[in-house]
C-alpha cells in the first residue's frame, strides 16, 4: 500500500516570464491550498490490482469535486481531515 498526499492547485514547477521592470514577484502560498489523499495497493501475488482510493477532506462528496473523465477510481470517500483513518483503511 502506498499513500500519497496531493495539494490541489500547486504545480511542482513554474516558469514565470515578466518584463525587466518587474523587480518583485509574488506567488500564492501552498499552505492555503486544499489537499487530498490517494491510496494505491497491490495484491501480494500480483493477481489483482485494486482501484485507488481517493480521500477528500469534508463530510460528504460534492458532485462538482468528481470530474466526469475520472476513471479507475472506484472508491471516492471523505474524512474530516482528508487523510486515511481506520474505517477507510479497513473498507
PDB file of N, CA and C in Angstrom:
ATOM      1  N   UNK A   1       0.849  -1.169   0.000  1.00  0.00           N
ATOM      2  CA  UNK A   1       0.000   0.000   0.000  1.00  0.00           C
ATOM      3  C   UNK A   1       0.895   1.232   0.000  1.00  0.00           C
ATOM      4  N   UNK A   2       0.500   2.227  -0.768  1.00  0.00           N
ATOM      5  CA  UNK A   2       1.232   3.482  -0.833  1.00  0.00           C
ATOM      6  C   UNK A   2       0.237   4.609  -0.667  1.00  0.00           C
ATOM      7  N   UNK A   3       0.530   5.526   0.229  1.00  0.00           N
ATOM      8  CA  UNK A   3      -0.347   6.665   0.478  1.00  0.00           C
ATOM      9  C   UNK A   3       0.393   7.929   0.075  1.00  0.00           C
ATOM     10  N   UNK A   4      -0.236   8.743  -0.765  1.00  0.00           N
ATOM     11  CA  UNK A   4       0.374   9.983  -1.227  1.00  0.00           C
ATOM     12  C   UNK A   4      -0.580  11.136  -0.999  1.00  0.00           C
ATOM     13  N   UNK A   5      -0.042  12.252  -0.566  1.00  0.00           N
ATOM     14  CA  UNK A   5      -0.836  13.458  -0.421  1.00  0.00           C
ATOM     15  C   UNK A   5      -0.615  14.363  -1.616  1.00  0.00           C
ATOM     16  N   UNK A   6      -1.671  15.012  -2.053  1.00  0.00           N
ATOM     17  CA  UNK A   6      -1.588  15.903  -3.207  1.00  0.00           C
ATOM     18  C   UNK A   6      -2.209  17.236  -2.828  1.00  0.00           C
ATOM     19  N   UNK A   7      -1.522  18.322  -3.139  1.00  0.00           N
ATOM     20  CA  UNK A   7      -2.095  19.653  -2.923  1.00  0.00           C
ATOM     21  C   UNK A   7      -2.706  20.117  -4.233  1.00  0.00           C
ATOM     22  N   UNK A   8      -3.973  20.438  -4.191  1.00  0.00           N
ATOM     23  CA  UNK A   8      -4.700  20.858  -5.384  1.00  0.00           C
ATOM     24  C   UNK A   8      -4.273  22.276  -5.746  1.00  0.00           C
ATOM     25  N   UNK A   9      -3.903  22.475  -7.001  1.00  0.00           N
ATOM     26  CA  UNK A   9      -3.536  23.802  -7.478  1.00  0.00           C
ATOM     27  C   UNK A   9      -2.106  24.211  -7.183  1.00  0.00           C
ATOM     28  N   UNK A  10      -1.246  23.277  -6.810  1.00  0.00           N
ATOM     29  CA  UNK A  10       0.163  23.582  -6.539  1.00  0.00           C
ATOM     30  C   UNK A  10       1.043  22.803  -7.502  1.00  0.00           C
ATOM     31  N   UNK A  11       1.402  23.399  -8.623  1.00  0.00           N
ATOM     32  CA  UNK A  11       2.262  22.686  -9.564  1.00  0.00           C
ATOM     33  C   UNK A  11       3.648  22.471  -8.968  1.00  0.00           C
ATOM     34  N   UNK A  12       4.339  21.464  -9.459  1.00  0.00           N
ATOM     35  CA  UNK A  12       5.668  21.168  -8.926  1.00  0.00           C
ATOM     36  C   UNK A  12       6.724  22.150  -9.410  1.00  0.00           C
ATOM     37  N   UNK A  13       6.530  22.761 -10.527  1.00  0.00           N
ATOM     38  CA  UNK A  13       7.482  23.731 -11.040  1.00  0.00           C
ATOM     39  C   UNK A  13       6.762  24.787 -11.856  1.00  0.00           C
ATOM     40  N   UNK A  14       7.253  25.986 -11.821  1.00  0.00           N
ATOM     41  CA  UNK A  14       6.615  27.075 -12.551  1.00  0.00           C
ATOM     42  C   UNK A  14       7.666  27.862 -13.308  1.00  0.00           C
ATOM     43  N   UNK A  15       7.286  28.354 -14.472  1.00  0.00           N
ATOM     44  CA  UNK A  15       8.107  29.281 -15.226  1.00  0.00           C
ATOM     45  C   UNK A  15       7.313  30.569 -15.359  1.00  0.00           C
ATOM     46  N   UNK A  16       7.912  31.663 -14.930  1.00  0.00           N
ATOM     47  CA  UNK A  16       7.227  32.954 -14.969  1.00  0.00           C
ATOM     48  C   UNK A  16       8.044  33.895 -15.840  1.00  0.00           C
ATOM     49  N   UNK A  17       7.393  34.494 -16.827  1.00  0.00           N
ATOM     50  CA  UNK A  17       8.050  35.448 -17.718  1.00  0.00           C
ATOM     51  C   UNK A  17       7.436  36.815 -17.458  1.00  0.00           C
ATOM     52  N   UNK A  18       8.276  37.763 -17.070  1.00  0.00           N
ATOM     53  CA  UNK A  18       7.811  39.113 -16.756  1.00  0.00           C
ATOM     54  C   UNK A  18       8.739  40.128 -17.419  1.00  0.00           C
ATOM     55  N   UNK A  19       8.266  41.351 -17.595  1.00  0.00           N
ATOM     56  CA  UNK A  19       9.140  42.401 -18.134  1.00  0.00           C
ATOM     57  C   UNK A  19      10.304  42.686 -17.174  1.00  0.00           C
ATOM     58  N   UNK A  20      11.395  43.224 -17.689  1.00  0.00           N
ATOM     59  CA  UNK A  20      12.566  43.532 -16.869  1.00  0.00           C
ATOM     60  C   UNK A  20      12.257  44.542 -15.768  1.00  0.00           C
ATOM     61  N   UNK A  21      11.238  45.372 -15.978  1.00  0.00           N
ATOM     62  CA  UNK A  21      10.905  46.395 -14.994  1.00  0.00           C
ATOM     63  C   UNK A  21      10.335  45.796 -13.706  1.00  0.00           C
ATOM     64  N   UNK A  22       9.836  44.588 -13.770  1.00  0.00           N
ATOM     65  CA  UNK A  22       9.238  43.962 -12.588  1.00  0.00           C
ATOM     66  C   UNK A  22      10.363  43.476 -11.680  1.00  0.00           C
ATOM     67  N   UNK A  23      10.440  44.058 -10.493  1.00  0.00           N
ATOM     68  CA  UNK A  23      11.512  43.703  -9.562  1.00  0.00           C
ATOM     69  C   UNK A  23      11.054  42.697  -8.506  1.00  0.00           C
ATOM     70  N   UNK A  24       9.773  42.676  -8.184  1.00  0.00           N
ATOM     71  CA  UNK A  24       9.251  41.763  -7.167  1.00  0.00           C
ATOM     72  C   UNK A  24       8.202  40.860  -7.791  1.00  0.00           C
ATOM     73  N   UNK A  25       8.234  39.611  -7.408  1.00  0.00           N
ATOM     74  CA  UNK A  25       7.260  38.645  -7.898  1.00  0.00           C
ATOM     75  C   UNK A  25       6.651  37.939  -6.696  1.00  0.00           C
ATOM     76  N   UNK A  26       5.343  37.938  -6.632  1.00  0.00           N
ATOM     77  CA  UNK A  26       4.646  37.300  -5.522  1.00  0.00           C
ATOM     78  C   UNK A  26       3.869  36.105  -6.045  1.00  0.00           C
ATOM     79  N   UNK A  27       3.962  35.007  -5.345  1.00  0.00           N
ATOM     80  CA  UNK A  27       3.212  33.811  -5.718  1.00  0.00           C
ATOM     81  C   UNK A  27       2.352  33.376  -4.539  1.00  0.00           C
ATOM     82  N   UNK A  28       1.348  32.577  -4.840  1.00  0.00           N
ATOM     83  CA  UNK A  28       0.484  32.088  -3.773  1.00  0.00           C
ATOM     84  C   UNK A  28       1.214  31.049  -2.940  1.00  0.00           C
ATOM     85  N   UNK A  29       0.807  30.949  -1.718  1.00  0.00           N
ATOM     86  CA  UNK A  29       1.430  30.002  -0.796  1.00  0.00           C
ATOM     87  C   UNK A  29       0.758  28.642  -0.889  1.00  0.00           C
ATOM     88  N   UNK A  30       1.535  27.564  -0.957  1.00  0.00           N
ATOM     89  CA  UNK A  30       0.931  26.232  -0.960  1.00  0.00           C
ATOM     90  C   UNK A  30       0.229  25.904   0.354  1.00  0.00           C
ATOM     91  N   UNK A  31       0.503  26.665   1.395  1.00  0.00           N
ATOM     92  CA  UNK A  31      -0.097  26.379   2.705  1.00  0.00           C
ATOM     93  C   UNK A  31      -1.605  26.591   2.716  1.00  0.00           C
ATOM     94  N   UNK A  32      -2.120  27.430   1.825  1.00  0.00           N
ATOM     95  CA  UNK A  32      -3.557  27.699   1.845  1.00  0.00           C
ATOM     96  C   UNK A  32      -4.304  26.938   0.748  1.00  0.00           C
ATOM     97  N   UNK A  33      -3.738  25.861   0.263  1.00  0.00           N
ATOM     98  CA  UNK A  33      -4.382  25.050  -0.773  1.00  0.00           C
ATOM     99  C   UNK A  33      -5.057  23.842  -0.154  1.00  0.00           C
ATOM    100  N   UNK A  34      -6.079  23.351  -0.821  1.00  0.00           N
ATOM    101  CA  UNK A  34      -6.743  22.135  -0.376  1.00  0.00           C
ATOM    102  C   UNK A  34      -5.895  20.930  -0.766  1.00  0.00           C
ATOM    103  N   UNK A  35      -5.978  19.885   0.036  1.00  0.00           N
ATOM    104  CA  UNK A  35      -5.228  18.681  -0.282  1.00  0.00           C
ATOM    105  C   UNK A  35      -6.147  17.474  -0.259  1.00  0.00           C
ATOM    106  N   UNK A  36      -5.687  16.400  -0.869  1.00  0.00           N
ATOM    107  CA  UNK A  36      -6.409  15.138  -0.840  1.00  0.00           C
ATOM    108  C   UNK A  36      -5.395  14.018  -0.748  1.00  0.00           C
ATOM    109  N   UNK A  37      -5.876  12.834  -0.406  1.00  0.00           N
ATOM    110  CA  UNK A  37      -5.018  11.669  -0.249  1.00  0.00           C
ATOM    111  C   UNK A  37      -5.420  10.611  -1.258  1.00  0.00           C
ATOM    112  N   UNK A  38      -4.437   9.967  -1.860  1.00  0.00           N
ATOM    113  CA  UNK A  38      -4.685   8.853  -2.777  1.00  0.00           C
ATOM    114  C   UNK A  38      -3.935   7.640  -2.244  1.00  0.00           C
ATOM    115  N   UNK A  39      -4.647   6.523  -2.129  1.00  0.00           N
ATOM    116  CA  UNK A  39      -4.039   5.276  -1.668  1.00  0.00           C
ATOM    117  C   UNK A  39      -4.067   4.278  -2.815  1.00  0.00           C
ATOM    118  N   UNK A  40      -2.909   3.704  -3.112  1.00  0.00           N
ATOM    119  CA  UNK A  40      -2.808   2.655  -4.127  1.00  0.00           C
ATOM    120  C   UNK A  40      -2.286   1.395  -3.448  1.00  0.00           C
ATOM    121  N   UNK A  41      -2.774   0.252  -3.888  1.00  0.00           N
ATOM    122  CA  UNK A  41      -2.341  -1.021  -3.301  1.00  0.00           C
ATOM    123  C   UNK A  41      -2.259  -2.085  -4.391  1.00  0.00           C
ATOM    124  N   UNK A  42      -1.511  -3.142  -4.100  1.00  0.00           N
ATOM    125  CA  UNK A  42      -1.444  -4.294  -4.997  1.00  0.00           C
ATOM    126  C   UNK A  42      -1.603  -5.561  -4.166  1.00  0.00           C
ATOM    127  N   UNK A  43      -1.997  -6.626  -4.813  1.00  0.00           N
ATOM    128  CA  UNK A  43      -2.085  -7.929  -4.166  1.00  0.00           C
ATOM    129  C   UNK A  43      -0.675  -8.515  -4.092  1.00  0.00           C
ATOM    130  N   UNK A  44      -0.368  -9.206  -3.018  1.00  0.00           N
ATOM    131  CA  UNK A  44       0.982  -9.735  -2.814  1.00  0.00           C
ATOM    132  C   UNK A  44       1.428 -10.659  -3.942  1.00  0.00           C
ATOM    133  N   UNK A  45       0.505 -11.416  -4.533  1.00  0.00           N
ATOM    134  CA  UNK A  45       0.904 -12.324  -5.611  1.00  0.00           C
ATOM    135  C   UNK A  45       0.756 -11.690  -6.994  1.00  0.00           C
ATOM    136  N   UNK A  46       0.364 -10.419  -7.051  1.00  0.00           N
ATOM    137  CA  UNK A  46       0.268  -9.700  -8.313  1.00  0.00           C
ATOM    138  C   UNK A  46      -0.939 -10.044  -9.153  1.00  0.00           C
ATOM    139  N   UNK A  47      -1.862 -10.837  -8.619  1.00  0.00           N
ATOM    140  CA  UNK A  47      -3.008 -11.274  -9.417  1.00  0.00           C
ATOM    141  C   UNK A  47      -4.129 -10.247  -9.481  1.00  0.00           C
ATOM    142  N   UNK A  48      -4.121  -9.291  -8.585  1.00  0.00           N
ATOM    143  CA  UNK A  48      -5.236  -8.347  -8.518  1.00  0.00           C
ATOM    144  C   UNK A  48      -4.703  -6.965  -8.166  1.00  0.00           C
ATOM    145  N   UNK A  49      -5.135  -5.969  -8.908  1.00  0.00           N
ATOM    146  CA  UNK A  49      -4.769  -4.593  -8.615  1.00  0.00           C
ATOM    147  C   UNK A  49      -6.034  -3.839  -8.234  1.00  0.00           C
ATOM    148  N   UNK A  50      -6.276  -3.640  -6.950  1.00  0.00           N
ATOM    149  CA  UNK A  50      -7.483  -2.917  -6.555  1.00  0.00           C
ATOM    150  C   UNK A  50      -7.414  -1.470  -7.031  1.00  0.00           C
ATOM    151  N   UNK A  51      -8.552  -0.857  -7.281  1.00  0.00           N
ATOM    152  CA  UNK A  51      -8.553   0.536  -7.735  1.00  0.00           C
ATOM    153  C   UNK A  51      -8.044   1.463  -6.633  1.00  0.00           C
ATOM    154  N   UNK A  52      -7.524   2.620  -7.008  1.00  0.00           N
ATOM    155  CA  UNK A  52      -7.055   3.561  -5.990  1.00  0.00           C
ATOM    156  C   UNK A  52      -8.216   4.101  -5.164  1.00  0.00           C
ATOM    157  N   UNK A  53      -7.903   4.528  -3.956  1.00  0.00           N
ATOM    158  CA  UNK A  53      -8.871   5.158  -3.062  1.00  0.00           C
ATOM    159  C   UNK A  53      -8.519   6.638  -3.010  1.00  0.00           C
ATOM    160  N   UNK A  54      -9.488   7.494  -3.286  1.00  0.00           N
ATOM    161  CA  UNK A  54      -9.283   8.939  -3.242  1.00  0.00           C
ATOM    162  C   UNK A  54     -10.047   9.479  -2.046  1.00  0.00           C
ATOM    163  N   UNK A  55      -9.348  10.199  -1.158  1.00  0.00           N
ATOM    164  CA  UNK A  55      -9.958  10.716   0.065  1.00  0.00           C
ATOM    165  C   UNK A  55      -9.925  12.240   0.032  1.00  0.00           C
ATOM    166  N   UNK A  56     -11.098  12.844  -0.005  1.00  0.00           N
ATOM    167  CA  UNK A  56     -11.240  14.295   0.072  1.00  0.00           C
ATOM    168  C   UNK A  56     -11.453  14.702   1.523  1.00  0.00           C
ATOM    169  N   UNK A  57     -11.162  15.937   1.838  1.00  0.00           N
ATOM    170  CA  UNK A  57     -11.451  16.485   3.154  1.00  0.00           C
ATOM    171  C   UNK A  57     -12.883  17.005   3.158  1.00  0.00           C
ATOM    172  N   UNK A  58     -13.689  16.547   4.118  1.00  0.00           N
ATOM    173  CA  UNK A  58     -15.062  17.019   4.204  1.00  0.00           C
ATOM    174  C   UNK A  58     -15.973  16.029   4.880  1.00  0.00           C
ATOM    175  N   UNK A  59     -17.271  16.313   4.803  1.00  0.00           N
ATOM    176  CA  UNK A  59     -18.264  15.443   5.422  1.00  0.00           C
ATOM    177  C   UNK A  59     -19.040  14.630   4.396  1.00  0.00           C
ATOM    178  N   UNK A  60     -19.186  15.149   3.187  1.00  0.00           N
ATOM    179  CA  UNK A  60     -19.847  14.393   2.125  1.00  0.00           C
ATOM    180  C   UNK A  60     -19.248  14.796   0.787  1.00  0.00           C
ATOM    181  N   UNK A  61     -19.387  13.928  -0.199  1.00  0.00           N
ATOM    182  CA  UNK A  61     -18.804  14.168  -1.517  1.00  0.00           C
ATOM    183  C   UNK A  61     -19.740  15.053  -2.331  1.00  0.00           C
ATOM    184  N   UNK A  62     -19.187  16.131  -2.859  1.00  0.00           N
ATOM    185  CA  UNK A  62     -19.949  17.018  -3.729  1.00  0.00           C
ATOM    186  C   UNK A  62     -19.741  16.551  -5.170  1.00  0.00           C
ATOM    187  N   UNK A  63     -20.792  16.537  -5.943  1.00  0.00           N
ATOM    188  CA  UNK A  63     -20.706  16.067  -7.326  1.00  0.00           C
ATOM    189  C   UNK A  63     -19.696  16.872  -8.138  1.00  0.00           C
ATOM    190  N   UNK A  64     -19.558  18.156  -7.834  1.00  0.00           N
ATOM    191  CA  UNK A  64     -18.641  19.016  -8.586  1.00  0.00           C
ATOM    192  C   UNK A  64     -17.173  18.671  -8.327  1.00  0.00           C
ATOM    193  N   UNK A  65     -16.869  17.882  -7.290  1.00  0.00           N
ATOM    194  CA  UNK A  65     -15.492  17.501  -6.997  1.00  0.00           C
ATOM    195  C   UNK A  65     -14.988  16.406  -7.923  1.00  0.00           C
ATOM    196  N   UNK A  66     -15.887  15.664  -8.539  1.00  0.00           N
ATOM    197  CA  UNK A  66     -15.511  14.488  -9.314  1.00  0.00           C
ATOM    198  C   UNK A  66     -15.679  14.785 -10.798  1.00  0.00           C
ATOM    199  N   UNK A  67     -14.582  14.788 -11.527  1.00  0.00           N
ATOM    200  CA  UNK A  67     -14.613  15.059 -12.964  1.00  0.00           C
ATOM    201  C   UNK A  67     -15.190  13.858 -13.692  1.00  0.00           C
ATOM    202  N   UNK A  68     -15.942  14.099 -14.751  1.00  0.00           N
ATOM    203  CA  UNK A  68     -16.595  13.016 -15.498  1.00  0.00           C
ATOM    204  C   UNK A  68     -15.596  12.065 -16.150  1.00  0.00           C
ATOM    205  N   UNK A  69     -14.375  12.515 -16.387  1.00  0.00           N
ATOM    206  CA  UNK A  69     -13.363  11.660 -17.014  1.00  0.00           C
ATOM    207  C   UNK A  69     -12.535  10.872 -16.002  1.00  0.00           C
ATOM    208  N   UNK A  70     -12.859  10.976 -14.726  1.00  0.00           N
ATOM    209  CA  UNK A  70     -12.128  10.232 -13.709  1.00  0.00           C
ATOM    210  C   UNK A  70     -12.407   8.750 -13.881  1.00  0.00           C
ATOM    211  N   UNK A  71     -11.372   7.994 -14.213  1.00  0.00           N
ATOM    212  CA  UNK A  71     -11.553   6.562 -14.455  1.00  0.00           C
ATOM    213  C   UNK A  71     -10.636   5.763 -13.552  1.00  0.00           C
ATOM    214  N   UNK A  72     -11.033   4.539 -13.267  1.00  0.00           N
ATOM    215  CA  UNK A  72     -10.199   3.645 -12.480  1.00  0.00           C
ATOM    216  C   UNK A  72     -10.315   3.821 -10.987  1.00  0.00           C
ATOM    217  N   UNK A  73     -10.961   4.879 -10.539  1.00  0.00           N
ATOM    218  CA  UNK A  73     -11.118   5.107  -9.105  1.00  0.00           C
ATOM    219  C   UNK A  73     -12.522   4.694  -8.703  1.00  0.00           C
ATOM    220  N   UNK A  74     -12.646   3.527  -8.155  1.00  0.00           N
ATOM    221  CA  UNK A  74     -13.954   3.034  -7.749  1.00  0.00           C
ATOM    222  C   UNK A  74     -14.328   3.517  -6.358  1.00  0.00           C
ATOM    223  N   UNK A  75     -13.321   3.886  -5.558  1.00  0.00           N
ATOM    224  CA  UNK A  75     -13.587   4.305  -4.191  1.00  0.00           C
ATOM    225  C   UNK A  75     -13.208   5.773  -4.043  1.00  0.00           C
ATOM    226  N   UNK A  76     -14.207   6.600  -3.881  1.00  0.00           N
ATOM    227  CA  UNK A  76     -14.003   8.016  -3.603  1.00  0.00           C
ATOM    228  C   UNK A  76     -14.757   8.286  -2.313  1.00  0.00           C
ATOM    229  N   UNK A  77     -14.050   8.766  -1.306  1.00  0.00           N
ATOM    230  CA  UNK A  77     -14.664   8.942   0.003  1.00  0.00           C
ATOM    231  C   UNK A  77     -14.172  10.233   0.644  1.00  0.00           C
ATOM    232  N   UNK A  78     -14.662  10.524   1.833  1.00  0.00           N
ATOM    233  CA  UNK A  78     -14.265  11.727   2.564  1.00  0.00           C
ATOM    234  C   UNK A  78     -13.901  11.361   3.996  1.00  0.00           C
ATOM    235  N   UNK A  79     -13.095  12.209   4.600  1.00  0.00           N
ATOM    236  CA  UNK A  79     -12.814  12.145   6.029  1.00  0.00           C
ATOM    237  C   UNK A  79     -12.682  13.590   6.507  1.00  0.00           C
ATOM    238  N   UNK A  80     -12.877  13.841   7.788  1.00  0.00           N
ATOM    239  CA  UNK A  80     -12.804  15.223   8.278  1.00  0.00           C
ATOM    240  C   UNK A  80     -11.470  15.909   7.979  1.00  0.00           C
ATOM    241  N   UNK A  81     -10.387  15.152   7.944  1.00  0.00           N
ATOM    242  CA  UNK A  81      -9.060  15.732   7.732  1.00  0.00           C
ATOM    243  C   UNK A  81      -8.543  15.586   6.308  1.00  0.00           C
ATOM    244  N   UNK A  82      -9.144  14.697   5.514  1.00  0.00           N
ATOM    245  CA  UNK A  82      -8.626  14.413   4.185  1.00  0.00           C
ATOM    246  C   UNK A  82      -7.577  13.324   4.187  1.00  0.00           C
ATOM    247  N   UNK A  83      -7.313  12.765   5.350  1.00  0.00           N
ATOM    248  CA  UNK A  83      -6.347  11.678   5.487  1.00  0.00           C
ATOM    249  C   UNK A  83      -7.086  10.375   5.750  1.00  0.00           C
ATOM    250  N   UNK A  84      -6.383   9.267   5.607  1.00  0.00           N
ATOM    251  CA  UNK A  84      -6.993   7.977   5.870  1.00  0.00           C
ATOM    252  C   UNK A  84      -7.249   7.810   7.367  1.00  0.00           C
ATOM    253  N   UNK A  85      -8.211   6.993   7.677  1.00  0.00           N
ATOM    254  CA  UNK A  85      -8.490   6.645   9.065  1.00  0.00           C
ATOM    255  C   UNK A  85      -8.881   5.173   9.094  1.00  0.00           C
ATOM    256  N   UNK A  86      -9.033   4.629  10.264  1.00  0.00           N
ATOM    257  CA  UNK A  86      -9.243   3.189  10.411  1.00  0.00           C
ATOM    258  C   UNK A  86     -10.425   2.676   9.596  1.00  0.00           C
ATOM    259  N   UNK A  87     -11.538   3.377   9.602  1.00  0.00           N
ATOM    260  CA  UNK A  87     -12.717   2.893   8.876  1.00  0.00           C
ATOM    261  C   UNK A  87     -12.514   2.910   7.366  1.00  0.00           C
ATOM    262  N   UNK A  88     -11.694   3.806   6.861  1.00  0.00           N
ATOM    263  CA  UNK A  88     -11.410   3.849   5.420  1.00  0.00           C
ATOM    264  C   UNK A  88     -10.386   2.778   5.061  1.00  0.00           C
ATOM    265  N   UNK A  89      -9.350   2.635   5.856  1.00  0.00           N
ATOM    266  CA  UNK A  89      -8.283   1.680   5.557  1.00  0.00           C
ATOM    267  C   UNK A  89      -8.775   0.239   5.582  1.00  0.00           C
ATOM    268  N   UNK A  90      -9.756  -0.059   6.399  1.00  0.00           N
ATOM    269  CA  UNK A  90     -10.245  -1.428   6.520  1.00  0.00           C
ATOM    270  C   UNK A  90     -11.419  -1.728   5.611  1.00  0.00           C
ATOM    271  N   UNK A  91     -11.881  -0.750   4.851  1.00  0.00           N
ATOM    272  CA  UNK A  91     -13.053  -0.954   3.984  1.00  0.00           C
ATOM    273  C   UNK A  91     -12.728  -1.791   2.780  1.00  0.00           C
TER     274      UNK A  91
END
